[in-house]
Amino acid sequence: MVTALLEAFGPERARELCQVFVSDAREKLDALQAAVDGGDATAAARVAHGLKSGSGFVGATGLQALAQEVERAAGANELAFARAHMGDLRDRVASAATGLAQLAGPCPDPP
């Protein structure tokens, strides 16, 4: 997907998309943590859905798959799954940012 972004938008725009993705993912991870800590499964599912969509856009399929599982679990009011995988989500965001940076250029530090 990043290759397609580079071809469609060029390297400068691809870097901007990387920056937007990392910033947005950081905000979503913080919001997801707050929702989980607050016991708000509806908010957790909504935030996980957004994280899934954004990661799919940039081709971060591992992150997308885990966010989808978190969304599903939160939708079933199973916040323990999200709680147990917050570190994994953060690691996958960092990995996606690294992969994007290798192709598009520097992104901000991952969350």
PDB file of N, CA and C in Angstrom:
ATOM      1  N   MET A   1       0.817  -1.195   0.000  1.00  0.00           N
ATOM      2  CA  MET A   1       0.000   0.000   0.000  1.00  0.00           C
ATOM      3  C   MET A   1       0.862   1.259   0.000  1.00  0.00           C
ATOM      4  N   VAL A   2       1.970   1.248   0.737  1.00  0.00           N
ATOM      5  CA  VAL A   2       2.830   2.430   0.768  1.00  0.00           C
ATOM      6  C   VAL A   2       3.374   2.711  -0.623  1.00  0.00           C
ATOM      7  N   THR A   3       3.729   1.672  -1.353  1.00  0.00           N
ATOM      8  CA  THR A   3       4.214   1.857  -2.712  1.00  0.00           C
ATOM      9  C   THR A   3       3.138   2.529  -3.556  1.00  0.00           C
ATOM     10  N   ALA A   4       1.897   2.110  -3.365  1.00  0.00           N
ATOM     11  CA  ALA A   4       0.798   2.741  -4.099  1.00  0.00           C
ATOM     12  C   ALA A   4       0.639   4.206  -3.683  1.00  0.00           C
ATOM     13  N   LEU A   5       0.815   4.500  -2.385  1.00  0.00           N
ATOM     14  CA  LEU A   5       0.744   5.889  -1.930  1.00  0.00           C
ATOM     15  C   LEU A   5       1.855   6.718  -2.550  1.00  0.00           C
ATOM     16  N   LEU A   6       3.061   6.146  -2.609  1.00  0.00           N
ATOM     17  CA  LEU A   6       4.183   6.858  -3.218  1.00  0.00           C
ATOM     18  C   LEU A   6       3.908   7.152  -4.682  1.00  0.00           C
ATOM     19  N   GLU A   7       3.387   6.147  -5.392  1.00  0.00           N
ATOM     20  CA  GLU A   7       3.103   6.317  -6.816  1.00  0.00           C
ATOM     21  C   GLU A   7       1.975   7.334  -7.028  1.00  0.00           C
ATOM     22  N   ALA A   8       0.970   7.288  -6.179  1.00  0.00           N
ATOM     23  CA  ALA A   8      -0.181   8.167  -6.357  1.00  0.00           C
ATOM     24  C   ALA A   8       0.105   9.601  -5.930  1.00  0.00           C
ATOM     25  N   PHE A   9       0.860   9.778  -4.843  1.00  0.00           N
ATOM     26  CA  PHE A   9       1.019  11.105  -4.262  1.00  0.00           C
ATOM     27  C   PHE A   9       2.434  11.657  -4.316  1.00  0.00           C
ATOM     28  N   GLY A  10       3.417  10.809  -4.551  1.00  0.00           N
ATOM     29  CA  GLY A  10       4.809  11.245  -4.526  1.00  0.00           C
ATOM     30  C   GLY A  10       5.379  11.183  -3.117  1.00  0.00           C
ATOM     31  N   PRO A  11       6.694  11.258  -3.002  1.00  0.00           N
ATOM     32  CA  PRO A  11       7.344  11.065  -1.705  1.00  0.00           C
ATOM     33  C   PRO A  11       6.987  12.119  -0.655  1.00  0.00           C
ATOM     34  N   GLU A  12       6.833  13.376  -1.064  1.00  0.00           N
ATOM     35  CA  GLU A  12       6.526  14.417  -0.076  1.00  0.00           C
ATOM     36  C   GLU A  12       5.156  14.184   0.554  1.00  0.00           C
ATOM     37  N   ARG A  13       4.176  13.923  -0.275  1.00  0.00           N
ATOM     38  CA  ARG A  13       2.810  13.661   0.247  1.00  0.00           C
ATOM     39  C   ARG A  13       2.788  12.359   1.032  1.00  0.00           C
ATOM     40  N   ALA A  14       3.534  11.350   0.615  1.00  0.00           N
ATOM     41  CA  ALA A  14       3.592  10.084   1.351  1.00  0.00           C
ATOM     42  C   ALA A  14       4.166  10.316   2.749  1.00  0.00           C
ATOM     43  N   ARG A  15       5.186  11.182   2.867  1.00  0.00           N
ATOM     44  CA  ARG A  15       5.731  11.526   4.186  1.00  0.00           C
ATOM     45  C   ARG A  15       4.679  12.214   5.051  1.00  0.00           C
ATOM     46  N   GLU A  16       3.925  13.117   4.433  1.00  0.00           N
ATOM     47  CA  GLU A  16       2.858  13.799   5.167  1.00  0.00           C
ATOM     48  C   GLU A  16       1.824  12.793   5.668  1.00  0.00           C
ATOM     49  N   LEU A  17       1.466  11.831   4.822  1.00  0.00           N
ATOM     50  CA  LEU A  17       0.503  10.803   5.220  1.00  0.00           C
ATOM     51  C   LEU A  17       1.055   9.971   6.371  1.00  0.00           C
ATOM     52  N   CYS A  18       2.352   9.682   6.320  1.00  0.00           N
ATOM     53  CA  CYS A  18       3.003   8.946   7.396  1.00  0.00           C
ATOM     54  C   CYS A  18       2.882   9.733   8.697  1.00  0.00           C
ATOM     55  N   GLN A  19       3.163  11.017   8.633  1.00  0.00           N
ATOM     56  CA  GLN A  19       3.091  11.860   9.830  1.00  0.00           C
ATOM     57  C   GLN A  19       1.667  11.911  10.385  1.00  0.00           C
ATOM     58  N   VAL A  20       0.702  12.034   9.497  1.00  0.00           N
ATOM     59  CA  VAL A  20      -0.694  12.060   9.917  1.00  0.00           C
ATOM     60  C   VAL A  20      -1.057  10.715  10.550  1.00  0.00           C
ATOM     61  N   PHE A  21      -0.646   9.618   9.916  1.00  0.00           N
ATOM     62  CA  PHE A  21      -0.947   8.297  10.451  1.00  0.00           C
ATOM     63  C   PHE A  21      -0.378   8.134  11.861  1.00  0.00           C
ATOM     64  N   VAL A  22       0.901   8.464  12.052  1.00  0.00           N
ATOM     65  CA  VAL A  22       1.541   8.279  13.358  1.00  0.00           C
ATOM     66  C   VAL A  22       0.879   9.162  14.408  1.00  0.00           C
ATOM     67  N   SER A  23       0.608  10.407  14.069  1.00  0.00           N
ATOM     68  CA  SER A  23      -0.048  11.313  15.019  1.00  0.00           C
ATOM     69  C   SER A  23      -1.443  10.808  15.377  1.00  0.00           C
ATOM     70  N   ASP A  24      -2.197  10.409  14.367  1.00  0.00           N
ATOM     71  CA  ASP A  24      -3.546   9.904  14.577  1.00  0.00           C
ATOM     72  C   ASP A  24      -3.521   8.607  15.391  1.00  0.00           C
ATOM     73  N   ALA A  25      -2.592   7.723  15.081  1.00  0.00           N
ATOM     74  CA  ALA A  25      -2.491   6.457  15.813  1.00  0.00           C
ATOM     75  C   ALA A  25      -2.158   6.720  17.276  1.00  0.00           C
ATOM     76  N   ARG A  26      -1.270   7.672  17.531  1.00  0.00           N
ATOM     77  CA  ARG A  26      -0.918   8.032  18.910  1.00  0.00           C
ATOM     78  C   ARG A  26      -2.163   8.503  19.669  1.00  0.00           C
ATOM     79  N   GLU A  27      -2.943   9.364  19.039  1.00  0.00           N
ATOM     80  CA  GLU A  27      -4.169   9.854  19.674  1.00  0.00           C
ATOM     81  C   GLU A  27      -5.163   8.726  19.906  1.00  0.00           C
ATOM     82  N   LYS A  28      -5.295   7.854  18.925  1.00  0.00           N
ATOM     83  CA  LYS A  28      -6.239   6.747  19.051  1.00  0.00           C
ATOM     84  C   LYS A  28      -5.804   5.762  20.144  1.00  0.00           C
ATOM     85  N   LEU A  29      -4.514   5.491  20.248  1.00  0.00           N
ATOM     86  CA  LEU A  29      -4.042   4.601  21.312  1.00  0.00           C
ATOM     87  C   LEU A  29      -4.321   5.201  22.684  1.00  0.00           C
ATOM     88  N   ASP A  30      -4.103   6.501  22.833  1.00  0.00           N
ATOM     89  CA  ASP A  30      -4.405   7.171  24.100  1.00  0.00           C
ATOM     90  C   ASP A  30      -5.903   7.107  24.395  1.00  0.00           C
ATOM     91  N   ALA A  31      -6.722   7.347  23.384  1.00  0.00           N
ATOM     92  CA  ALA A  31      -8.177   7.296  23.565  1.00  0.00           C
ATOM     93  C   ALA A  31      -8.635   5.878  23.875  1.00  0.00           C
ATOM     94  N   LEU A  32      -8.032   4.904  23.226  1.00  0.00           N
ATOM     95  CA  LEU A  32      -8.386   3.504  23.497  1.00  0.00           C
ATOM     96  C   LEU A  32      -8.014   3.139  24.930  1.00  0.00           C
ATOM     97  N   GLN A  33      -6.833   3.550  25.366  1.00  0.00           N
ATOM     98  CA  GLN A  33      -6.418   3.273  26.745  1.00  0.00           C
ATOM     99  C   GLN A  33      -7.394   3.909  27.737  1.00  0.00           C
ATOM    100  N   ALA A  34      -7.796   5.142  27.469  1.00  0.00           N
ATOM    101  CA  ALA A  34      -8.748   5.827  28.355  1.00  0.00           C
ATOM    102  C   ALA A  34     -10.094   5.105  28.376  1.00  0.00           C
ATOM    103  N   ALA A  35     -10.550   4.655  27.212  1.00  0.00           N
ATOM    104  CA  ALA A  35     -11.824   3.943  27.143  1.00  0.00           C
ATOM    105  C   ALA A  35     -11.750   2.625  27.910  1.00  0.00           C
ATOM    106  N   VAL A  36     -10.657   1.908  27.731  1.00  0.00           N
ATOM    107  CA  VAL A  36     -10.480   0.632  28.434  1.00  0.00           C
ATOM    108  C   VAL A  36     -10.403   0.877  29.941  1.00  0.00           C
ATOM    109  N   ASP A  37      -9.594   1.850  30.342  1.00  0.00           N
ATOM    110  CA  ASP A  37      -9.452   2.159  31.767  1.00  0.00           C
ATOM    111  C   ASP A  37     -10.781   2.610  32.378  1.00  0.00           C
ATOM    112  N   GLY A  38     -11.592   3.290  31.585  1.00  0.00           N
ATOM    113  CA  GLY A  38     -12.883   3.775  32.059  1.00  0.00           C
ATOM    114  C   GLY A  38     -14.016   2.770  31.914  1.00  0.00           C
ATOM    115  N   GLY A  39     -13.720   1.605  31.346  1.00  0.00           N
ATOM    116  CA  GLY A  39     -14.745   0.584  31.181  1.00  0.00           C
ATOM    117  C   GLY A  39     -15.775   0.904  30.117  1.00  0.00           C
ATOM    118  N   ASP A  40     -15.416   1.733  29.154  1.00  0.00           N
ATOM    119  CA  ASP A  40     -16.345   2.154  28.098  1.00  0.00           C
ATOM    120  C   ASP A  40     -16.110   1.327  26.832  1.00  0.00           C
ATOM    121  N   ALA A  41     -16.787   0.202  26.742  1.00  0.00           N
ATOM    122  CA  ALA A  41     -16.603  -0.711  25.618  1.00  0.00           C
ATOM    123  C   ALA A  41     -17.057  -0.096  24.297  1.00  0.00           C
ATOM    124  N   THR A  42     -18.104   0.722  24.329  1.00  0.00           N
ATOM    125  CA  THR A  42     -18.598   1.356  23.099  1.00  0.00           C
ATOM    126  C   THR A  42     -17.537   2.290  22.528  1.00  0.00           C
ATOM    127  N   ALA A  43     -16.951   3.111  23.389  1.00  0.00           N
ATOM    128  CA  ALA A  43     -15.889   4.022  22.932  1.00  0.00           C
ATOM    129  C   ALA A  43     -14.672   3.238  22.469  1.00  0.00           C
ATOM    130  N   ALA A  44     -14.321   2.168  23.177  1.00  0.00           N
ATOM    131  CA  ALA A  44     -13.163   1.352  22.785  1.00  0.00           C
ATOM    132  C   ALA A  44     -13.379   0.753  21.404  1.00  0.00           C
ATOM    133  N   ALA A  45     -14.564   0.255  21.134  1.00  0.00           N
ATOM    134  CA  ALA A  45     -14.856  -0.327  19.820  1.00  0.00           C
ATOM    135  C   ALA A  45     -14.772   0.737  18.729  1.00  0.00           C
ATOM    136  N   ARG A  46     -15.298   1.918  19.018  1.00  0.00           N
ATOM    137  CA  ARG A  46     -15.275   3.014  18.036  1.00  0.00           C
ATOM    138  C   ARG A  46     -13.830   3.437  17.722  1.00  0.00           C
ATOM    139  N   VAL A  47     -13.015   3.584  18.752  1.00  0.00           N
ATOM    140  CA  VAL A  47     -11.628   3.991  18.553  1.00  0.00           C
ATOM    141  C   VAL A  47     -10.853   2.906  17.819  1.00  0.00           C
ATOM    142  N   ALA A  48     -11.066   1.654  18.205  1.00  0.00           N
ATOM    143  CA  ALA A  48     -10.382   0.544  17.529  1.00  0.00           C
ATOM    144  C   ALA A  48     -10.769   0.490  16.056  1.00  0.00           C
ATOM    145  N   HIS A  49     -12.018   0.798  15.758  1.00  0.00           N
ATOM    146  CA  HIS A  49     -12.460   0.832  14.357  1.00  0.00           C
ATOM    147  C   HIS A  49     -11.683   1.890  13.579  1.00  0.00           C
ATOM    148  N   GLY A  50     -11.514   3.057  14.174  1.00  0.00           N
ATOM    149  CA  GLY A  50     -10.746   4.119  13.515  1.00  0.00           C
ATOM    150  C   GLY A  50      -9.293   3.727  13.315  1.00  0.00           C
ATOM    151  N   LEU A  51      -8.707   3.084  14.304  1.00  0.00           N
ATOM    152  CA  LEU A  51      -7.328   2.631  14.183  1.00  0.00           C
ATOM    153  C   LEU A  51      -7.212   1.580  13.075  1.00  0.00           C
ATOM    154  N   LYS A  52      -8.197   0.705  13.002  1.00  0.00           N
ATOM    155  CA  LYS A  52      -8.231  -0.317  11.943  1.00  0.00           C
ATOM    156  C   LYS A  52      -8.299   0.339  10.564  1.00  0.00           C
ATOM    157  N   SER A  53      -9.141   1.330  10.424  1.00  0.00           N
ATOM    158  CA  SER A  53      -9.294   1.996   9.132  1.00  0.00           C
ATOM    159  C   SER A  53      -8.024   2.725   8.707  1.00  0.00           C
ATOM    160  N   GLY A  54      -7.436   3.476   9.620  1.00  0.00           N
ATOM    161  CA  GLY A  54      -6.213   4.216   9.308  1.00  0.00           C
ATOM    162  C   GLY A  54      -5.059   3.304   8.964  1.00  0.00           C
ATOM    163  N   SER A  55      -4.939   2.215   9.694  1.00  0.00           N
ATOM    164  CA  SER A  55      -3.839   1.296   9.415  1.00  0.00           C
ATOM    165  C   SER A  55      -4.049   0.578   8.087  1.00  0.00           C
ATOM    166  N   GLY A  56      -5.287   0.320   7.754  1.00  0.00           N
ATOM    167  CA  GLY A  56      -5.568  -0.286   6.451  1.00  0.00           C
ATOM    168  C   GLY A  56      -5.209   0.649   5.317  1.00  0.00           C
ATOM    169  N   PHE A  57      -5.439   1.940   5.497  1.00  0.00           N
ATOM    170  CA  PHE A  57      -5.139   2.920   4.463  1.00  0.00           C
ATOM    171  C   PHE A  57      -3.655   2.951   4.124  1.00  0.00           C
ATOM    172  N   VAL A  58      -2.799   2.816   5.159  1.00  0.00           N
ATOM    173  CA  VAL A  58      -1.355   2.866   4.907  1.00  0.00           C
ATOM    174  C   VAL A  58      -0.751   1.488   4.696  1.00  0.00           C
ATOM    175  N   GLY A  59      -1.572   0.438   4.726  1.00  0.00           N
ATOM    176  CA  GLY A  59      -1.074  -0.902   4.453  1.00  0.00           C
ATOM    177  C   GLY A  59      -0.444  -1.602   5.636  1.00  0.00           C
ATOM    178  N   ALA A  60      -0.748  -1.153   6.849  1.00  0.00           N
ATOM    179  CA  ALA A  60      -0.219  -1.792   8.057  1.00  0.00           C
ATOM    180  C   ALA A  60      -1.159  -2.934   8.440  1.00  0.00           C
ATOM    181  N   THR A  61      -1.039  -4.041   7.714  1.00  0.00           N
ATOM    182  CA  THR A  61      -2.010  -5.122   7.835  1.00  0.00           C
ATOM    183  C   THR A  61      -1.976  -5.831   9.188  1.00  0.00           C
ATOM    184  N   GLY A  62      -0.809  -5.948   9.803  1.00  0.00           N
ATOM    185  CA  GLY A  62      -0.737  -6.572  11.125  1.00  0.00           C
ATOM    186  C   GLY A  62      -1.469  -5.741  12.161  1.00  0.00           C
ATOM    187  N   LEU A  63      -1.256  -4.441  12.124  1.00  0.00           N
ATOM    188  CA  LEU A  63      -1.947  -3.527  13.028  1.00  0.00           C
ATOM    189  C   LEU A  63      -3.442  -3.538  12.731  1.00  0.00           C
ATOM    190  N   GLN A  64      -3.775  -3.543  11.472  1.00  0.00           N
ATOM    191  CA  GLN A  64      -5.183  -3.555  11.069  1.00  0.00           C
ATOM    192  C   GLN A  64      -5.892  -4.796  11.623  1.00  0.00           C
ATOM    193  N   ALA A  65      -5.255  -5.944  11.525  1.00  0.00           N
ATOM    194  CA  ALA A  65      -5.866  -7.187  11.996  1.00  0.00           C
ATOM    195  C   ALA A  65      -6.069  -7.168  13.512  1.00  0.00           C
ATOM    196  N   LEU A  66      -5.064  -6.699  14.249  1.00  0.00           N
ATOM    197  CA  LEU A  66      -5.198  -6.653  15.704  1.00  0.00           C
ATOM    198  C   LEU A  66      -6.252  -5.630  16.119  1.00  0.00           C
ATOM    199  N   ALA A  67      -6.273  -4.479  15.468  1.00  0.00           N
ATOM    200  CA  ALA A  67      -7.291  -3.473  15.781  1.00  0.00           C
ATOM    201  C   ALA A  67      -8.687  -4.026  15.506  1.00  0.00           C
ATOM    202  N   GLN A  68      -8.821  -4.824  14.472  1.00  0.00           N
ATOM    203  CA  GLN A  68     -10.112  -5.436  14.164  1.00  0.00           C
ATOM    204  C   GLN A  68     -10.530  -6.395  15.279  1.00  0.00           C
ATOM    205  N   GLU A  69      -9.582  -7.164  15.802  1.00  0.00           N
ATOM    206  CA  GLU A  69      -9.888  -8.081  16.901  1.00  0.00           C
ATOM    207  C   GLU A  69     -10.277  -7.308  18.166  1.00  0.00           C
ATOM    208  N   VAL A  70      -9.574  -6.217  18.425  1.00  0.00           N
ATOM    209  CA  VAL A  70      -9.911  -5.376  19.580  1.00  0.00           C
ATOM    210  C   VAL A  70     -11.310  -4.781  19.391  1.00  0.00           C
ATOM    211  N   GLU A  71     -11.599  -4.329  18.190  1.00  0.00           N
ATOM    212  CA  GLU A  71     -12.932  -3.788  17.901  1.00  0.00           C
ATOM    213  C   GLU A  71     -14.005  -4.841  18.141  1.00  0.00           C
ATOM    214  N   ARG A  72     -13.766  -6.039  17.653  1.00  0.00           N
ATOM    215  CA  ARG A  72     -14.732  -7.125  17.830  1.00  0.00           C
ATOM    216  C   ARG A  72     -14.937  -7.437  19.309  1.00  0.00           C
ATOM    217  N   ALA A  73     -13.828  -7.566  20.045  1.00  0.00           N
ATOM    218  CA  ALA A  73     -13.925  -7.896  21.465  1.00  0.00           C
ATOM    219  C   ALA A  73     -14.631  -6.785  22.238  1.00  0.00           C
ATOM    220  N   ALA A  74     -14.274  -5.540  21.974  1.00  0.00           N
ATOM    221  CA  ALA A  74     -14.909  -4.423  22.672  1.00  0.00           C
ATOM    222  C   ALA A  74     -16.397  -4.357  22.329  1.00  0.00           C
ATOM    223  N   GLY A  75     -16.720  -4.661  21.084  1.00  0.00           N
ATOM    224  CA  GLY A  75     -18.125  -4.687  20.685  1.00  0.00           C
ATOM    225  C   GLY A  75     -18.918  -5.748  21.425  1.00  0.00           C
ATOM    226  N   ALA A  76     -18.221  -6.783  21.893  1.00  0.00           N
ATOM    227  CA  ALA A  76     -18.849  -7.836  22.696  1.00  0.00           C
ATOM    228  C   ALA A  76     -18.658  -7.572  24.193  1.00  0.00           C
ATOM    229  N   ASN A  77     -18.244  -6.336  24.518  1.00  0.00           N
ATOM    230  CA  ASN A  77     -18.026  -5.904  25.904  1.00  0.00           C
ATOM    231  C   ASN A  77     -16.920  -6.715  26.599  1.00  0.00           C
ATOM    232  N   GLU A  78     -15.917  -7.134  25.828  1.00  0.00           N
ATOM    233  CA  GLU A  78     -14.781  -7.895  26.363  1.00  0.00           C
ATOM    234  C   GLU A  78     -13.548  -6.989  26.379  1.00  0.00           C
ATOM    235  N   LEU A  79     -13.497  -6.092  27.334  1.00  0.00           N
ATOM    236  CA  LEU A  79     -12.392  -5.140  27.395  1.00  0.00           C
ATOM    237  C   LEU A  79     -11.078  -5.774  27.834  1.00  0.00           C
ATOM    238  N   ALA A  80     -11.136  -6.943  28.433  1.00  0.00           N
ATOM    239  CA  ALA A  80      -9.900  -7.611  28.866  1.00  0.00           C
ATOM    240  C   ALA A  80      -8.989  -7.877  27.672  1.00  0.00           C
ATOM    241  N   PHE A  81      -9.554  -8.188  26.522  1.00  0.00           N
ATOM    242  CA  PHE A  81      -8.746  -8.440  25.327  1.00  0.00           C
ATOM    243  C   PHE A  81      -8.002  -7.178  24.924  1.00  0.00           C
ATOM    244  N   ALA A  82      -8.701  -6.058  24.890  1.00  0.00           N
ATOM    245  CA  ALA A  82      -8.056  -4.790  24.540  1.00  0.00           C
ATOM    246  C   ALA A  82      -6.983  -4.446  25.562  1.00  0.00           C
ATOM    247  N   ARG A  83      -7.296  -4.607  26.830  1.00  0.00           N
ATOM    248  CA  ARG A  83      -6.342  -4.298  27.894  1.00  0.00           C
ATOM    249  C   ARG A  83      -5.071  -5.133  27.715  1.00  0.00           C
ATOM    250  N   ALA A  84      -5.242  -6.396  27.403  1.00  0.00           N
ATOM    251  CA  ALA A  84      -4.105  -7.311  27.263  1.00  0.00           C
ATOM    252  C   ALA A  84      -3.261  -7.023  26.029  1.00  0.00           C
ATOM    253  N   HIS A  85      -3.826  -6.333  25.045  1.00  0.00           N
ATOM    254  CA  HIS A  85      -3.118  -6.119  23.776  1.00  0.00           C
ATOM    255  C   HIS A  85      -2.703  -4.671  23.519  1.00  0.00           C
ATOM    256  N   MET A  86      -2.814  -3.809  24.514  1.00  0.00           N
ATOM    257  CA  MET A  86      -2.399  -2.410  24.317  1.00  0.00           C
ATOM    258  C   MET A  86      -0.921  -2.316  23.947  1.00  0.00           C
ATOM    259  N   GLY A  87      -0.081  -3.081  24.605  1.00  0.00           N
ATOM    260  CA  GLY A  87       1.350  -3.075  24.271  1.00  0.00           C
ATOM    261  C   GLY A  87       1.595  -3.568  22.863  1.00  0.00           C
ATOM    262  N   ASP A  88       0.859  -4.609  22.461  1.00  0.00           N
ATOM    263  CA  ASP A  88       0.986  -5.128  21.098  1.00  0.00           C
ATOM    264  C   ASP A  88       0.568  -4.072  20.074  1.00  0.00           C
ATOM    265  N   LEU A  89      -0.506  -3.361  20.364  1.00  0.00           N
ATOM    266  CA  LEU A  89      -0.951  -2.304  19.447  1.00  0.00           C
ATOM    267  C   LEU A  89       0.116  -1.223  19.318  1.00  0.00           C
ATOM    268  N   ARG A  90       0.686  -0.817  20.439  1.00  0.00           N
ATOM    269  CA  ARG A  90       1.743   0.210  20.402  1.00  0.00           C
ATOM    270  C   ARG A  90       2.953  -0.289  19.601  1.00  0.00           C
ATOM    271  N   ASP A  91       3.314  -1.543  19.816  1.00  0.00           N
ATOM    272  CA  ASP A  91       4.440  -2.122  19.066  1.00  0.00           C
ATOM    273  C   ASP A  91       4.155  -2.153  17.570  1.00  0.00           C
ATOM    274  N   ARG A  92       2.921  -2.478  17.212  1.00  0.00           N
ATOM    275  CA  ARG A  92       2.576  -2.546  15.783  1.00  0.00           C
ATOM    276  C   ARG A  92       2.508  -1.160  15.143  1.00  0.00           C
ATOM    277  N   VAL A  93       2.102  -0.168  15.908  1.00  0.00           N
ATOM    278  CA  VAL A  93       2.134   1.204  15.388  1.00  0.00           C
ATOM    279  C   VAL A  93       3.590   1.602  15.147  1.00  0.00           C
ATOM    280  N   ALA A  94       4.461   1.292  16.097  1.00  0.00           N
ATOM    281  CA  ALA A  94       5.884   1.612  15.940  1.00  0.00           C
ATOM    282  C   ALA A  94       6.465   0.897  14.733  1.00  0.00           C
ATOM    283  N   SER A  95       6.108  -0.359  14.547  1.00  0.00           N
ATOM    284  CA  SER A  95       6.591  -1.122  13.397  1.00  0.00           C
ATOM    285  C   SER A  95       6.075  -0.533  12.092  1.00  0.00           C
ATOM    286  N   ALA A  96       4.810  -0.154  12.065  1.00  0.00           N
ATOM    287  CA  ALA A  96       4.238   0.451  10.860  1.00  0.00           C
ATOM    288  C   ALA A  96       4.934   1.773  10.548  1.00  0.00           C
ATOM    289  N   ALA A  97       5.195   2.581  11.570  1.00  0.00           N
ATOM    290  CA  ALA A  97       5.881   3.858  11.352  1.00  0.00           C
ATOM    291  C   ALA A  97       7.279   3.636  10.804  1.00  0.00           C
ATOM    292  N   THR A  98       7.974   2.628  11.316  1.00  0.00           N
ATOM    293  CA  THR A  98       9.312   2.306  10.823  1.00  0.00           C
ATOM    294  C   THR A  98       9.249   1.873   9.363  1.00  0.00           C
ATOM    295  N   GLY A  99       8.294   1.002   9.038  1.00  0.00           N
ATOM    296  CA  GLY A  99       8.144   0.547   7.658  1.00  0.00           C
ATOM    297  C   GLY A  99       7.794   1.681   6.712  1.00  0.00           C
ATOM    298  N   LEU A 100       6.915   2.560   7.139  1.00  0.00           N
ATOM    299  CA  LEU A 100       6.553   3.709   6.320  1.00  0.00           C
ATOM    300  C   LEU A 100       7.757   4.615   6.109  1.00  0.00           C
ATOM    301  N   ALA A 101       8.522   4.827   7.165  1.00  0.00           N
ATOM    302  CA  ALA A 101       9.686   5.706   7.074  1.00  0.00           C
ATOM    303  C   ALA A 101      10.733   5.142   6.120  1.00  0.00           C
ATOM    304  N   GLN A 102      10.858   3.828   6.075  1.00  0.00           N
ATOM    305  CA  GLN A 102      11.828   3.213   5.162  1.00  0.00           C
ATOM    306  C   GLN A 102      11.453   3.467   3.715  1.00  0.00           C
ATOM    307  N   LEU A 103      10.171   3.558   3.446  1.00  0.00           N
ATOM    308  CA  LEU A 103       9.721   3.756   2.072  1.00  0.00           C
ATOM    309  C   LEU A 103       9.468   5.222   1.734  1.00  0.00           C
ATOM    310  N   ALA A 104       8.913   5.962   2.680  1.00  0.00           N
ATOM    311  CA  ALA A 104       8.475   7.324   2.380  1.00  0.00           C
ATOM    312  C   ALA A 104       9.386   8.394   2.941  1.00  0.00           C
ATOM    313  N   GLY A 105      10.219   8.043   3.884  1.00  0.00           N
ATOM    314  CA  GLY A 105      11.048   9.034   4.551  1.00  0.00           C
ATOM    315  C   GLY A 105      10.640   9.158   5.999  1.00  0.00           C
ATOM    316  N   PRO A 106      11.351   9.989   6.746  1.00  0.00           N
ATOM    317  CA  PRO A 106      11.140  10.062   8.202  1.00  0.00           C
ATOM    318  C   PRO A 106       9.711  10.418   8.591  1.00  0.00           C
ATOM    319  N   CYS A 107       9.233   9.690   9.599  1.00  0.00           N
ATOM    320  CA  CYS A 107       7.956   9.974  10.248  1.00  0.00           C
ATOM    321  C   CYS A 107       8.280  10.419  11.664  1.00  0.00           C
ATOM    322  N   PRO A 108       7.333  10.983  12.370  1.00  0.00           N
ATOM    323  CA  PRO A 108       7.591  11.312  13.767  1.00  0.00           C
ATOM    324  C   PRO A 108       7.869  10.050  14.567  1.00  0.00           C
ATOM    325  N   ASP A 109       8.470  10.223  15.735  1.00  0.00           N
ATOM    326  CA  ASP A 109       8.700   9.077  16.596  1.00  0.00           C
ATOM    327  C   ASP A 109       7.394   8.389  16.878  1.00  0.00           C
ATOM    328  N   PRO A 110       7.390   7.040  16.863  1.00  0.00           N
ATOM    329  CA  PRO A 110       6.150   6.313  17.158  1.00  0.00           C
ATOM    330  C   PRO A 110       5.775   6.458  18.622  1.00  0.00           C
ATOM    331  N   PRO A 111       4.508   6.196  18.922  1.00  0.00           N
ATOM    332  CA  PRO A 111       4.029   6.318  20.305  1.00  0.00           C
ATOM    333  C   PRO A 111       4.684   5.292  21.215  1.00  0.00           C
TER     334      PRO A 111
END
